[in-house]
């Protein structure tokens, strides 16, 4: 019998502040977004966590110790001097429902959004729960945000989480031979960036020389799902919005400067920079607001040119963070499941 937990997504953004305090920006949260978006879409509703019998979740599993930048950002974006700190980073594991018969060999790493500076892994619990009930194993890592540590800290953290999955696969009972990445908004950008980057780097001659084809295959990202995340920072549409506030924009605060100040870094942090013949199959789900998936045409052209599976699904001008709320959450999960099942095992 299903157990309903009506704790909706104002969940667990708690922050323990003991010996090592650090900045947290909690401006991006589900409750405030719901209050804002419900005025635009009265049919919007907060999802409930409905667990099936025997479903297992492991919250807050430590996966690495990370250095906190000695120059952190205040809420205004100004640098604040702090002593060098370290802190533990954690992830949540949602195991597949015992009643699910398919997808048992697949793992999805879910990456939350929040403009690279805010957000919390708990935002993706409802999506993880629904996907677990379709047979997937879900891993949701926390990662350092720009108020705590700038680019490329978030990338390093998520790559460390993927490495942790591979190292702990047997002890934690996580499938590690078929890992896909999924993220929303800035999390979608990070999912695409890391997926394309990992597969691109594995194809470099210096890496191929030291590993067999089987070893290479098991290290590749199997697929990437981008929910309204920018794909090319250098695209004119992306620059129009991501660089609009100059060095105070969310992207600039993460990347260390505006487009005019840090063009090389903006290029380096663009997922399209790492497109290759080994790029993973890709699904893009858009709110219908083109700015959030700037660069998708370049992705589509490259993947179709190399016969790599590519799908694009567009809602009809809905709210940006559609995956956080019903009815779009359930619709998105169905699209994601159909896409992943369409791929060769």
Protein backbone atom coordinates (compact mmCIF):
# COMPACT_ATOMS: atom_id res chain seq x y z
CA UNK A 1 0.00 0.00 0.00
CA UNK A 2 1.32 3.41 -0.88
CA UNK A 3 2.45 5.61 1.95
CA UNK A 4 1.81 9.29 1.30
CA UNK A 5 4.10 11.83 2.82
CA UNK A 6 2.57 15.23 2.39
CA UNK A 7 5.75 17.07 3.12
CA UNK A 8 5.96 19.07 -0.06
CA UNK A 9 9.04 20.62 -1.43
CA UNK A 10 9.78 23.16 1.21
CA UNK A 11 11.96 20.24 2.39
CA UNK A 12 15.29 20.04 4.12
CA UNK A 13 17.14 23.08 2.98
CA UNK A 14 18.56 23.14 6.48
CA UNK A 15 22.15 24.15 6.90
CA UNK A 16 24.21 23.21 9.93
CA UNK A 17 26.69 25.85 10.88
CA UNK A 18 29.24 24.63 13.40
CA UNK A 19 33.00 25.18 13.17
CA UNK A 20 33.11 26.03 9.48
CA UNK A 21 30.47 28.61 8.45
CA UNK A 22 30.00 29.37 4.75
CA UNK A 23 27.56 31.35 2.64
CA UNK A 24 24.28 29.78 1.52
CA UNK A 25 21.89 31.53 -0.89
CA UNK A 26 18.42 30.05 -0.42
CA UNK A 27 16.61 32.53 -2.68
CA UNK A 28 15.81 29.73 -5.15
CA UNK A 29 13.37 27.43 -3.40
CA UNK A 30 10.25 25.53 -4.35
CA UNK A 31 7.88 27.43 -2.05
CA UNK A 32 8.73 30.85 -3.47
CA UNK A 33 8.62 29.59 -7.06
CA UNK A 34 5.24 28.00 -6.46
CA UNK A 35 3.84 31.25 -5.03
CA UNK A 36 5.16 33.13 -8.06
CA UNK A 37 4.14 30.67 -10.77
CA UNK A 38 0.70 29.80 -9.41
CA UNK A 39 -0.44 33.28 -10.39
CA UNK A 40 0.53 32.47 -13.99
CA UNK A 41 -0.79 28.90 -13.99
CA UNK A 42 -3.66 28.22 -11.53
CA UNK A 43 -3.56 24.49 -12.42
CA UNK A 44 -0.09 24.16 -10.94
CA UNK A 45 0.25 21.92 -7.88
CA UNK A 46 3.01 20.82 -5.55
CA UNK A 47 3.94 17.15 -5.93
CA UNK A 48 3.63 14.71 -3.06
CA UNK A 49 6.14 12.01 -2.21
CA UNK A 50 4.20 8.77 -2.46
CA UNK A 51 6.43 5.81 -1.63
CA UNK A 52 5.67 2.26 -2.69
CA UNK A 53 5.97 -0.70 -0.33
CA UNK A 54 9.58 -1.74 0.19
CA UNK A 55 11.04 1.37 -1.44
CA UNK A 56 14.46 2.29 -0.01
CA UNK A 57 16.12 5.71 0.15
CA UNK A 58 19.53 6.57 1.59
CA UNK A 59 19.79 10.31 2.35
CA UNK A 60 22.92 12.34 2.96
CA UNK A 61 25.60 9.78 2.13
CA UNK A 62 29.04 11.42 2.26
CA UNK A 63 30.88 11.24 -1.06
CA UNK A 64 33.78 13.67 -0.75
CA UNK A 65 35.44 16.38 1.28
CA UNK A 66 35.68 19.64 -0.62
CA UNK A 67 37.59 22.85 -0.12
CA UNK A 68 35.50 25.95 0.42
CA UNK A 69 36.92 28.96 -1.39
CA UNK A 70 38.73 31.43 0.88
CA UNK A 71 36.95 34.19 -1.05
CA UNK A 72 33.24 33.58 -0.81
CA UNK A 73 30.44 35.68 -2.22
CA UNK A 74 27.90 37.47 -0.09
CA UNK A 75 24.30 37.66 -1.24
CA UNK A 76 25.18 40.83 -3.18
CA UNK A 77 27.97 39.06 -5.05
CA UNK A 78 30.78 40.86 -3.21
CA UNK A 79 33.79 38.82 -2.12
CA UNK A 80 34.15 38.14 1.58
CA UNK A 81 37.43 36.92 3.06
CA UNK A 82 37.13 33.72 5.07
CA UNK A 83 39.73 31.29 6.40
CA UNK A 84 40.34 28.23 4.22
CA UNK A 85 37.69 25.63 5.01
CA UNK A 86 36.78 22.10 4.08
CA UNK A 87 33.41 20.45 4.37
CA UNK A 88 31.78 17.15 3.49
CA UNK A 89 29.51 16.85 0.46
CA UNK A 90 26.62 14.42 0.48
CA UNK A 91 24.28 12.69 -1.93
CA UNK A 92 20.90 10.97 -1.74
CA UNK A 93 20.25 7.53 -3.24
CA UNK A 94 16.80 6.43 -4.39
CA UNK A 95 16.74 2.70 -5.09
CA UNK A 96 14.31 1.22 -7.62
CA UNK A 97 10.95 0.06 -6.42
CA UNK A 98 10.84 -3.70 -5.84
CA UNK A 99 7.78 -3.92 -8.10
CA UNK A 100 9.55 -2.29 -11.07
CA UNK A 101 10.61 -4.87 -13.65
CA UNK A 102 12.52 -2.71 -16.14
CA UNK A 103 15.51 -0.33 -16.06
CA UNK A 104 17.09 -2.11 -13.07
CA UNK A 105 20.58 -1.78 -14.60
CA UNK A 106 20.37 2.00 -15.16
CA UNK A 107 21.50 4.82 -12.88
CA UNK A 108 20.58 8.48 -13.25
CA UNK A 109 22.53 11.29 -11.60
CA UNK A 110 20.14 14.21 -10.99
CA UNK A 111 21.56 17.75 -10.78
CA UNK A 112 19.47 20.51 -9.22
CA UNK A 113 19.25 24.04 -10.60
CA UNK A 114 19.37 27.50 -9.07
CA UNK A 115 21.53 29.72 -11.25
CA UNK A 116 24.78 28.00 -10.16
CA UNK A 117 24.44 29.80 -6.80
CA UNK A 118 21.32 28.52 -5.06
CA UNK A 119 19.07 25.45 -4.90
CA UNK A 120 19.10 22.15 -3.04
CA UNK A 121 19.21 18.47 -3.93
CA UNK A 122 15.87 17.92 -2.18
CA UNK A 123 14.20 19.84 -5.03
CA UNK A 124 14.58 16.72 -7.18
CA UNK A 125 13.19 14.19 -4.69
CA UNK A 126 9.74 13.96 -6.36
CA UNK A 127 11.31 13.32 -9.78
CA UNK A 128 13.73 10.79 -8.29
CA UNK A 129 10.85 9.04 -6.55
CA UNK A 130 8.80 8.69 -9.73
CA UNK A 131 11.79 7.45 -11.73
CA UNK A 132 12.68 4.96 -8.99
CA UNK A 133 9.17 3.55 -9.32
CA UNK A 134 9.96 2.96 -12.99
CA UNK A 135 13.03 0.91 -12.06
CA UNK A 136 15.90 3.40 -12.12
CA UNK A 137 18.47 4.02 -9.40
CA UNK A 138 18.79 7.76 -8.72
CA UNK A 139 21.73 9.59 -7.17
CA UNK A 140 21.30 13.27 -6.27
CA UNK A 141 24.53 15.00 -5.18
CA UNK A 142 24.91 18.33 -3.50
CA UNK A 143 27.68 20.44 -5.02
CA UNK A 144 29.43 23.68 -4.26
CA UNK A 145 27.62 26.76 -5.54
CA UNK A 146 29.10 30.06 -6.66
CA UNK A 147 28.57 31.75 -3.29
CA UNK A 148 30.85 29.10 -1.83
CA UNK A 149 33.30 28.26 -4.63
CA UNK A 150 33.38 29.46 -8.26
CA UNK A 151 33.74 27.56 -11.52
CA UNK A 152 34.85 24.80 -11.95
CA UNK A 153 34.11 23.59 -8.39
CA UNK A 154 30.58 22.37 -9.22
CA UNK A 155 31.89 20.38 -12.17
CA UNK A 156 34.62 18.79 -10.08
CA UNK A 157 32.10 17.85 -7.39
CA UNK A 158 29.67 16.17 -9.77
CA UNK A 159 32.49 14.30 -11.51
CA UNK A 160 33.65 13.17 -8.07
CA UNK A 161 30.12 11.91 -7.36
CA UNK A 162 30.18 9.90 -10.61
CA UNK A 163 33.57 8.46 -9.66
CA UNK A 164 32.21 7.62 -6.19
CA UNK A 165 29.34 5.70 -7.79
CA UNK A 166 31.79 3.61 -9.81
CA UNK A 167 33.99 2.95 -6.79
CA UNK A 168 31.12 2.18 -4.41
CA UNK A 169 28.90 0.33 -6.88
CA UNK A 170 29.10 -3.03 -5.12
CA UNK A 171 28.89 -1.83 -1.52
CA UNK A 172 26.09 0.65 -2.25
CA UNK A 173 24.30 -1.60 -4.77
CA UNK A 174 24.30 1.02 -7.53
CA UNK A 175 24.51 -0.03 -11.21
CA UNK A 176 27.62 1.64 -12.62
CA UNK A 177 27.85 0.43 -16.23
CA UNK A 178 24.98 2.60 -17.47
CA UNK A 179 25.08 6.07 -15.91
CA UNK A 180 23.11 8.97 -17.38
CA UNK A 181 22.97 12.60 -16.26
CA UNK A 182 19.84 14.71 -15.85
CA UNK A 183 19.45 18.28 -14.66
CA UNK A 184 17.13 21.26 -14.66
CA UNK A 185 18.01 24.87 -15.56
CA UNK A 186 21.63 25.45 -14.45
CA UNK A 187 21.58 21.78 -13.45
CA UNK A 188 20.63 20.93 -17.03
CA UNK A 189 23.55 22.99 -18.27
CA UNK A 190 25.87 21.14 -15.87
CA UNK A 191 24.48 17.75 -16.91
CA UNK A 192 25.13 18.48 -20.59
CA UNK A 193 28.52 20.07 -19.95
CA UNK A 194 29.80 17.16 -17.86
CA UNK A 195 28.31 14.44 -20.09
CA UNK A 196 29.76 15.89 -23.28
CA UNK A 197 33.06 16.67 -21.57
CA UNK A 198 33.56 13.17 -20.13
CA UNK A 199 32.80 11.42 -23.42
CA UNK A 200 34.91 13.92 -25.37
CA UNK A 201 37.92 13.45 -23.10
CA UNK A 202 37.66 9.65 -23.22
CA UNK A 203 38.04 9.85 -27.00
CA UNK A 204 41.35 11.73 -26.84
CA UNK A 205 44.29 9.64 -28.17
CA UNK A 206 46.23 9.86 -24.91
CA UNK A 207 43.30 8.30 -23.05
CA UNK A 208 42.47 5.68 -25.65
CA UNK A 209 46.07 4.43 -25.61
CA UNK A 210 45.80 3.23 -22.01
CA UNK A 211 42.36 1.61 -21.94
CA UNK A 212 40.53 -1.15 -23.76
CA UNK A 213 37.34 -0.46 -25.69
CA UNK A 214 35.35 -2.13 -22.90
CA UNK A 215 36.95 0.07 -20.24
CA UNK A 216 36.20 3.14 -22.33
CA UNK A 217 32.59 2.10 -22.83
CA UNK A 218 31.90 1.59 -19.13
CA UNK A 219 33.27 5.05 -18.31
CA UNK A 220 31.16 6.85 -20.88
CA UNK A 221 27.99 8.68 -19.93
CA UNK A 222 25.14 6.67 -21.42
CA UNK A 223 22.75 9.59 -22.02
CA UNK A 224 21.99 13.15 -20.97
CA UNK A 225 18.65 14.83 -20.27
CA UNK A 226 18.60 18.63 -20.21
CA UNK A 227 15.53 20.34 -18.76
CA UNK A 228 15.61 23.97 -19.90
CA UNK A 229 19.38 24.34 -19.46
CA UNK A 230 21.55 26.56 -21.66
CA UNK A 231 23.80 24.64 -24.05
CA UNK A 232 26.02 27.38 -25.44
CA UNK A 233 26.96 30.47 -23.42
CA UNK A 234 28.34 32.09 -26.58
CA UNK A 235 25.07 31.84 -28.51
CA UNK A 236 23.67 35.36 -29.10
CA UNK A 237 20.40 34.42 -27.40
CA UNK A 238 22.27 33.15 -24.33
CA UNK A 239 24.45 36.26 -24.18
CA UNK A 240 21.38 38.49 -24.40
CA UNK A 241 20.12 37.12 -21.09
CA UNK A 242 23.05 35.48 -19.28
CA UNK A 243 25.26 38.55 -19.75
CA UNK A 244 22.53 41.17 -19.33
CA UNK A 245 23.67 42.19 -15.81
CA UNK A 246 27.35 42.13 -16.68
CA UNK A 247 29.57 40.85 -13.89
CA UNK A 248 26.53 40.64 -11.56
CA UNK A 249 24.69 38.06 -13.67
CA UNK A 250 24.29 34.56 -12.25
CA UNK A 251 26.57 33.11 -14.93
CA UNK A 252 29.23 35.78 -14.40
CA UNK A 253 29.20 35.30 -10.63
CA UNK A 254 29.89 31.62 -11.22
CA UNK A 255 32.38 32.00 -14.08
CA UNK A 256 34.36 34.82 -12.48
CA UNK A 257 33.45 37.66 -14.83
CA UNK A 258 31.16 38.92 -17.56
CA UNK A 259 31.41 37.77 -21.18
CA UNK A 260 33.55 40.81 -21.95
CA UNK A 261 35.89 39.98 -19.06
CA UNK A 262 36.11 36.18 -19.40
CA UNK A 263 35.29 35.07 -22.94
CA UNK A 264 37.62 32.07 -22.81
CA UNK A 265 35.96 30.77 -19.63
CA UNK A 266 32.45 31.27 -21.04
CA UNK A 267 33.50 29.25 -24.08
CA UNK A 268 35.12 26.61 -21.88
CA UNK A 269 31.93 26.28 -19.80
CA UNK A 270 29.68 25.78 -22.85
CA UNK A 271 28.47 22.18 -23.37
CA UNK A 272 28.69 22.57 -27.16
CA UNK A 273 32.46 23.06 -26.89
CA UNK A 274 32.78 19.34 -26.12
CA UNK A 275 30.53 17.85 -28.78
CA UNK A 276 32.27 14.87 -30.39
CA UNK A 277 31.47 11.66 -32.29
CA UNK A 278 31.27 10.00 -28.84
CA UNK A 279 28.69 12.44 -27.42
CA UNK A 280 25.90 10.63 -25.55
CA UNK A 281 22.31 10.37 -26.75
CA UNK A 282 20.53 13.54 -25.70
CA UNK A 283 17.02 14.56 -24.72
CA UNK A 284 16.15 18.23 -24.35
CA UNK A 285 12.86 19.17 -22.70
CA UNK A 286 12.00 22.84 -23.10
CA UNK A 287 9.47 25.09 -21.39
CA UNK A 288 8.95 26.69 -24.79
CA UNK A 289 11.04 29.71 -23.76
CA UNK A 290 13.88 29.52 -26.26
CA UNK A 291 16.43 31.45 -24.18
CA UNK A 292 16.81 28.61 -21.69
CA UNK A 293 17.98 26.08 -24.28
CA UNK A 294 20.14 28.42 -26.36
CA UNK A 295 22.53 26.30 -28.42
CA UNK A 296 20.13 23.41 -29.02
CA UNK A 297 20.31 23.77 -32.81
CA UNK A 298 24.06 23.22 -32.71
CA UNK A 299 23.55 20.13 -30.53
CA UNK A 300 20.85 18.79 -32.85
CA UNK A 301 22.98 19.33 -35.96
CA UNK A 302 26.02 17.63 -34.47
CA UNK A 303 24.23 14.62 -33.01
CA UNK A 304 22.12 13.91 -36.08
CA UNK A 305 25.22 14.28 -38.27
CA UNK A 306 26.89 11.52 -36.24
CA UNK A 307 23.76 9.33 -35.99
CA UNK A 308 23.55 9.83 -32.23
CA UNK A 309 20.00 9.61 -30.82
CA UNK A 310 18.54 13.05 -30.19
CA UNK A 311 15.07 14.03 -29.05
CA UNK A 312 13.54 17.42 -28.37
CA UNK A 313 10.28 17.90 -26.49
CA UNK A 314 8.73 21.33 -26.06
CA UNK A 315 5.94 22.38 -23.73
CA UNK A 316 3.72 25.21 -24.93
CA UNK A 317 5.16 28.26 -23.16
CA UNK A 318 4.95 26.95 -19.61
CA UNK A 319 6.85 28.06 -16.51
CA UNK A 320 10.64 27.72 -16.55
CA UNK A 321 11.06 25.24 -13.66
CA UNK A 322 8.24 23.01 -14.88
CA UNK A 323 9.83 19.78 -13.55
CA UNK A 324 9.26 20.89 -9.95
CA UNK A 325 5.47 20.94 -10.24
CA UNK A 326 2.53 18.92 -11.44
CA UNK A 327 1.21 18.28 -14.02
CA UNK A 328 4.55 18.84 -15.80
CA UNK A 329 6.60 16.63 -13.46
CA UNK A 330 4.70 13.44 -14.31
CA UNK A 331 4.61 14.33 -18.00
CA UNK A 332 8.38 14.92 -18.01
CA UNK A 333 9.09 11.64 -16.22
CA UNK A 334 7.11 9.75 -18.85
CA UNK A 335 9.06 11.48 -21.65
CA UNK A 336 12.38 10.74 -19.93
CA UNK A 337 11.50 7.07 -19.39
CA UNK A 338 10.37 6.63 -23.00
CA UNK A 339 13.60 8.20 -24.25
CA UNK A 340 15.88 6.06 -22.08
CA UNK A 341 14.00 2.89 -22.95
CA UNK A 342 14.36 3.69 -26.66
CA UNK A 343 18.14 3.48 -26.39
CA UNK A 344 20.02 0.25 -26.95
CA UNK A 345 20.89 -1.45 -23.63
